[in-house]
Protein backbone atom coordinates (compact mmCIF):
# COMPACT_ATOMS: atom_id res chain seq x y z
CA MET A 1 7.69 17.90 25.52
CA VAL A 2 5.25 18.85 22.78
CA ASP A 3 3.12 21.84 23.80
CA ASP A 4 2.84 20.79 27.47
CA ILE A 5 2.57 17.05 26.79
CA ALA A 6 5.48 14.87 27.86
CA PHE A 7 6.40 11.63 26.07
CA ALA A 8 8.16 8.80 27.88
CA PRO A 9 11.71 8.24 26.57
CA GLN A 10 10.83 4.64 25.68
CA VAL A 11 8.00 2.10 25.48
CA THR A 12 8.07 -1.69 25.50
CA VAL A 13 6.16 -3.95 23.11
CA THR A 14 8.10 -7.19 22.64
CA LYS A 15 11.28 -5.14 23.07
CA THR A 16 12.11 -1.63 24.28
CA LEU A 17 11.62 1.05 21.66
CA PRO A 18 13.20 4.51 22.14
CA LEU A 19 11.44 7.77 21.26
CA LEU A 20 12.99 8.83 17.94
CA GLY A 21 10.66 11.59 16.83
CA TYR A 22 7.89 13.87 18.03
CA GLY A 23 5.83 16.77 16.78
CA CYS A 24 2.24 17.88 16.43
CA THR A 25 -0.62 18.32 13.99
CA GLU A 26 -2.07 21.79 13.55
CA LEU A 27 -5.34 23.14 12.26
CA GLU A 28 -5.78 26.61 10.83
CA ILE A 29 -8.84 28.30 12.36
CA HIS A 30 -9.48 31.96 11.48
CA PHE A 31 -5.83 32.36 10.40
CA LEU A 32 -4.56 30.98 13.72
CA GLN A 33 -2.51 27.80 13.89
CA ILE A 34 -4.13 25.67 16.58
CA LYS A 35 -2.16 22.69 17.88
CA HIS A 36 -4.45 19.72 17.59
CA THR A 37 -2.59 16.54 18.59
CA ALA A 38 0.92 15.76 19.86
CA ILE A 39 2.71 12.82 18.27
CA GLY A 40 5.50 10.62 19.62
CA VAL A 41 7.20 8.02 17.38
CA TYR A 42 8.96 5.05 18.96
CA LEU A 43 11.03 2.80 16.71
CA ASP A 44 13.09 -0.35 17.03
CA PRO A 45 16.73 0.87 16.71
CA ALA A 46 17.22 -1.96 14.17
CA VAL A 47 15.35 0.28 11.69
CA VAL A 48 18.76 1.88 11.05
CA ASP A 49 19.88 -1.39 9.36
CA HIS A 50 17.18 -0.81 6.71
CA LEU A 51 18.27 2.79 6.08
CA GLN A 52 22.00 2.33 5.41
CA THR A 53 21.67 3.82 1.89
CA TRP A 54 21.24 7.21 3.59
CA LYS A 55 24.21 6.93 5.94
CA GLY A 56 26.02 10.26 6.23
CA LYS A 57 23.08 12.39 5.04
CA SER A 58 22.08 15.39 7.13
CA GLY A 59 18.63 15.84 8.63
CA LYS A 60 18.11 18.70 6.15
CA GLU A 61 18.78 16.32 3.23
CA LEU A 62 16.58 13.56 4.66
CA VAL A 63 13.56 15.71 5.44
CA ASP A 64 12.78 16.20 1.71
CA ASP A 65 13.65 12.64 0.68
CA ASP A 66 10.41 10.69 0.30
CA GLU A 67 12.30 7.54 -0.66
CA PHE A 68 13.95 7.63 2.75
CA PHE A 69 10.57 7.85 4.49
CA GLU A 70 9.18 5.12 2.22
CA ALA A 71 12.01 2.86 3.43
CA LEU A 72 11.35 3.91 7.02
CA ALA A 73 7.60 3.24 6.83
CA THR A 74 8.01 -0.16 5.16
CA ALA A 75 10.92 -1.44 7.29
CA PRO A 76 9.76 -4.71 8.95
CA VAL A 77 10.42 -3.54 12.51
CA GLU A 78 8.25 -2.74 15.51
CA ALA A 79 7.01 0.82 15.84
CA VAL A 80 4.66 2.65 18.19
CA ILE A 81 3.02 5.97 17.36
CA LYS A 82 1.33 7.70 20.28
CA VAL A 83 -1.12 10.47 19.42
CA VAL A 84 -2.19 12.67 22.34
CA VAL A 85 -5.14 15.07 22.16
CA ILE A 86 -4.20 18.74 22.77
CA LYS A 87 -7.43 20.35 21.57
CA GLU A 88 -10.69 18.55 22.41
CA ILE A 89 -11.94 16.62 19.38
CA LYS A 90 -14.63 14.08 18.58
CA ALA A 91 -12.97 10.69 18.14
CA SER A 92 -15.13 10.08 15.07
CA GLN A 93 -13.74 13.24 13.40
CA TYR A 94 -10.26 11.85 13.87
CA GLY A 95 -11.42 8.47 12.51
CA THR A 96 -12.94 10.14 9.42
CA GLN A 97 -9.66 11.99 8.73
CA LEU A 98 -7.68 8.79 9.07
CA GLU A 99 -10.10 6.81 6.89
CA GLY A 100 -10.03 9.46 4.11
CA ALA A 101 -6.24 9.71 4.11
CA VAL A 102 -5.74 5.92 4.03
CA ARG A 103 -8.37 5.41 1.32
CA ASP A 104 -6.80 8.09 -0.91
CA ARG A 105 -3.35 6.56 -0.50
CA LEU A 106 -4.60 3.04 -1.30
CA ALA A 107 -6.53 4.26 -4.34
CA ALA A 108 -3.47 6.15 -5.61
CA VAL A 109 -1.46 2.91 -5.78
CA ASP A 110 -4.43 0.80 -6.95
CA LYS A 111 -4.65 -1.26 -3.76
CA TYR A 112 -8.15 -0.28 -2.65
CA GLU A 113 -10.10 -3.54 -3.08
CA GLU A 114 -13.06 -4.95 -1.17
CA GLU A 115 -10.84 -6.43 1.58
CA GLU A 116 -9.22 -3.06 2.21
CA GLU A 117 -12.60 -1.32 2.24
CA VAL A 118 -13.96 -3.73 4.88
CA ALA A 119 -10.81 -3.43 7.03
CA LEU A 120 -10.81 0.37 6.78
CA GLU A 121 -14.52 0.62 7.67
CA LYS A 122 -13.82 -1.39 10.83
CA VAL A 123 -11.02 1.03 11.74
CA ALA A 124 -13.30 4.05 11.19
CA GLU A 125 -16.06 2.47 13.32
CA PHE A 126 -13.56 1.97 16.15
CA PHE A 127 -13.50 5.74 16.77
CA PRO A 128 -16.68 6.66 18.72
CA THR A 129 -18.67 9.90 18.42
CA LYS A 130 -17.76 10.99 21.94
CA TYR A 131 -15.47 13.93 22.60
CA LEU A 132 -11.91 13.26 23.65
CA LYS A 133 -10.61 15.60 26.30
CA LYS A 134 -7.06 16.89 26.39
CA ASN A 135 -4.51 14.15 27.27
CA SER A 136 -6.70 11.32 25.91
CA TYR A 137 -4.57 9.35 23.47
CA PHE A 138 -4.41 6.71 20.76
CA THR A 139 -1.59 4.23 20.53
CA PHE A 140 -0.83 2.70 17.15
CA THR A 141 1.37 -0.38 17.60
CA PHE A 142 2.89 -1.73 14.38
CA PHE A 143 4.30 -5.25 14.58
CA ALA A 144 7.15 -6.58 12.44
CA SER A 145 4.62 -9.09 10.99
CA GLY A 146 2.79 -6.30 9.14
CA GLN A 147 -0.21 -6.23 11.49
CA ALA A 148 -1.16 -3.40 13.82
CA GLU A 149 -3.21 -2.67 16.94
CA ILE A 150 -4.92 0.63 17.80
CA THR A 151 -5.74 1.41 21.43
CA MET A 152 -7.75 4.33 22.76
CA THR A 153 -7.09 5.60 26.29
CA MET A 154 -9.31 8.19 27.99
CA GLU A 155 -8.92 9.61 31.48
CA GLU A 156 -5.97 7.28 32.12
CA LYS A 157 -8.08 4.16 31.45
CA GLU A 158 -7.65 2.01 28.36
CA GLN A 159 -11.08 2.07 26.74
CA SER A 160 -10.85 -0.14 23.69
CA LYS A 161 -8.56 -1.68 21.14
CA ILE A 162 -8.78 -3.06 17.62
CA ARG A 163 -6.46 -5.31 15.63
CA VAL A 164 -5.80 -4.39 11.99
CA GLU A 165 -4.72 -7.39 9.93
CA ASN A 166 -4.93 -6.06 6.37
CA ALA A 167 -1.30 -5.32 5.49
CA ASN A 168 -2.17 -2.63 2.90
CA VAL A 169 -4.33 -0.70 5.37
CA VAL A 170 -1.66 -1.02 8.07
CA GLU A 171 1.02 0.29 5.69
CA MET A 172 -1.04 3.37 4.77
CA ILE A 173 -1.92 4.19 8.40
CA LYS A 174 1.80 4.09 9.11
CA LYS A 175 2.52 6.29 6.09
CA TRP A 176 -0.06 8.84 7.23
CA TYR A 177 2.34 9.51 10.10
CA LEU A 178 5.72 8.57 8.60
CA GLY A 179 5.21 9.23 4.89
CA GLY A 180 7.59 12.13 4.33
CA SER A 181 6.15 15.13 2.47
CA ARG A 182 2.62 13.68 2.51
CA ALA A 183 2.59 12.90 6.23
CA VAL A 184 0.07 14.57 8.51
CA SER A 185 2.69 16.27 10.71
CA PRO A 186 5.65 18.09 9.08
CA SER A 187 7.17 18.83 12.52
CA THR A 188 7.30 15.08 13.32
CA ILE A 189 8.92 14.32 9.95
CA GLU A 190 11.57 17.01 10.52
CA CYS A 191 12.32 15.67 14.00
CA LEU A 192 12.61 12.07 12.69
CA ALA A 193 14.93 13.19 9.87
CA ASN A 194 17.30 14.88 12.34
CA SER A 195 17.16 12.04 14.85
CA LEU A 196 17.72 9.27 12.27
CA SER A 197 20.50 11.26 10.61
CA THR A 198 22.30 11.19 13.99
CA HIS A 199 21.67 7.44 14.42
CA LEU A 200 22.90 6.74 10.89
CA SER A 201 26.15 8.62 11.46
CA LYS A 202 27.15 6.40 14.40
């Protein structure tokens, strides 16, 4: 449970992925921390094979290790990130945040070319100007191939979906959620660090 939003213990894409991390994003409004979205991260358990360098490390050690989260975000395994609205928001506001974060990350590593710009614009346009009520959600499905799909579900009905094929854009969307100290939700990163520390000690 995050706030009062429950995440299923697993989801199925081409295989069953367990819930390995969860948390929320918060906004500060008039000095109050307002929970904004709840986040659930589902990962192929095979991700542990790509993280063996960190075997035996505690969650406390992993949480500050950006190299660990770099390896996590770039591991060629299936992942699903479900983002559930807690506080009503315009979908386009969310899209603008995502677009800005991804563009900055691409520019920082000199990968923001025309192809990335076109792909990112399409992603931003996918988020409409309508308000999303509480419990609406986005599902980001990352495939082992390096492509991704984003689905928007409102009032229990799947509204629309978009495929993202530009590998650089896909990587930076994933890093917005899984990118260690620069990720959008510190509580999700802390939860993933503790959970993966446990999986790595088995």
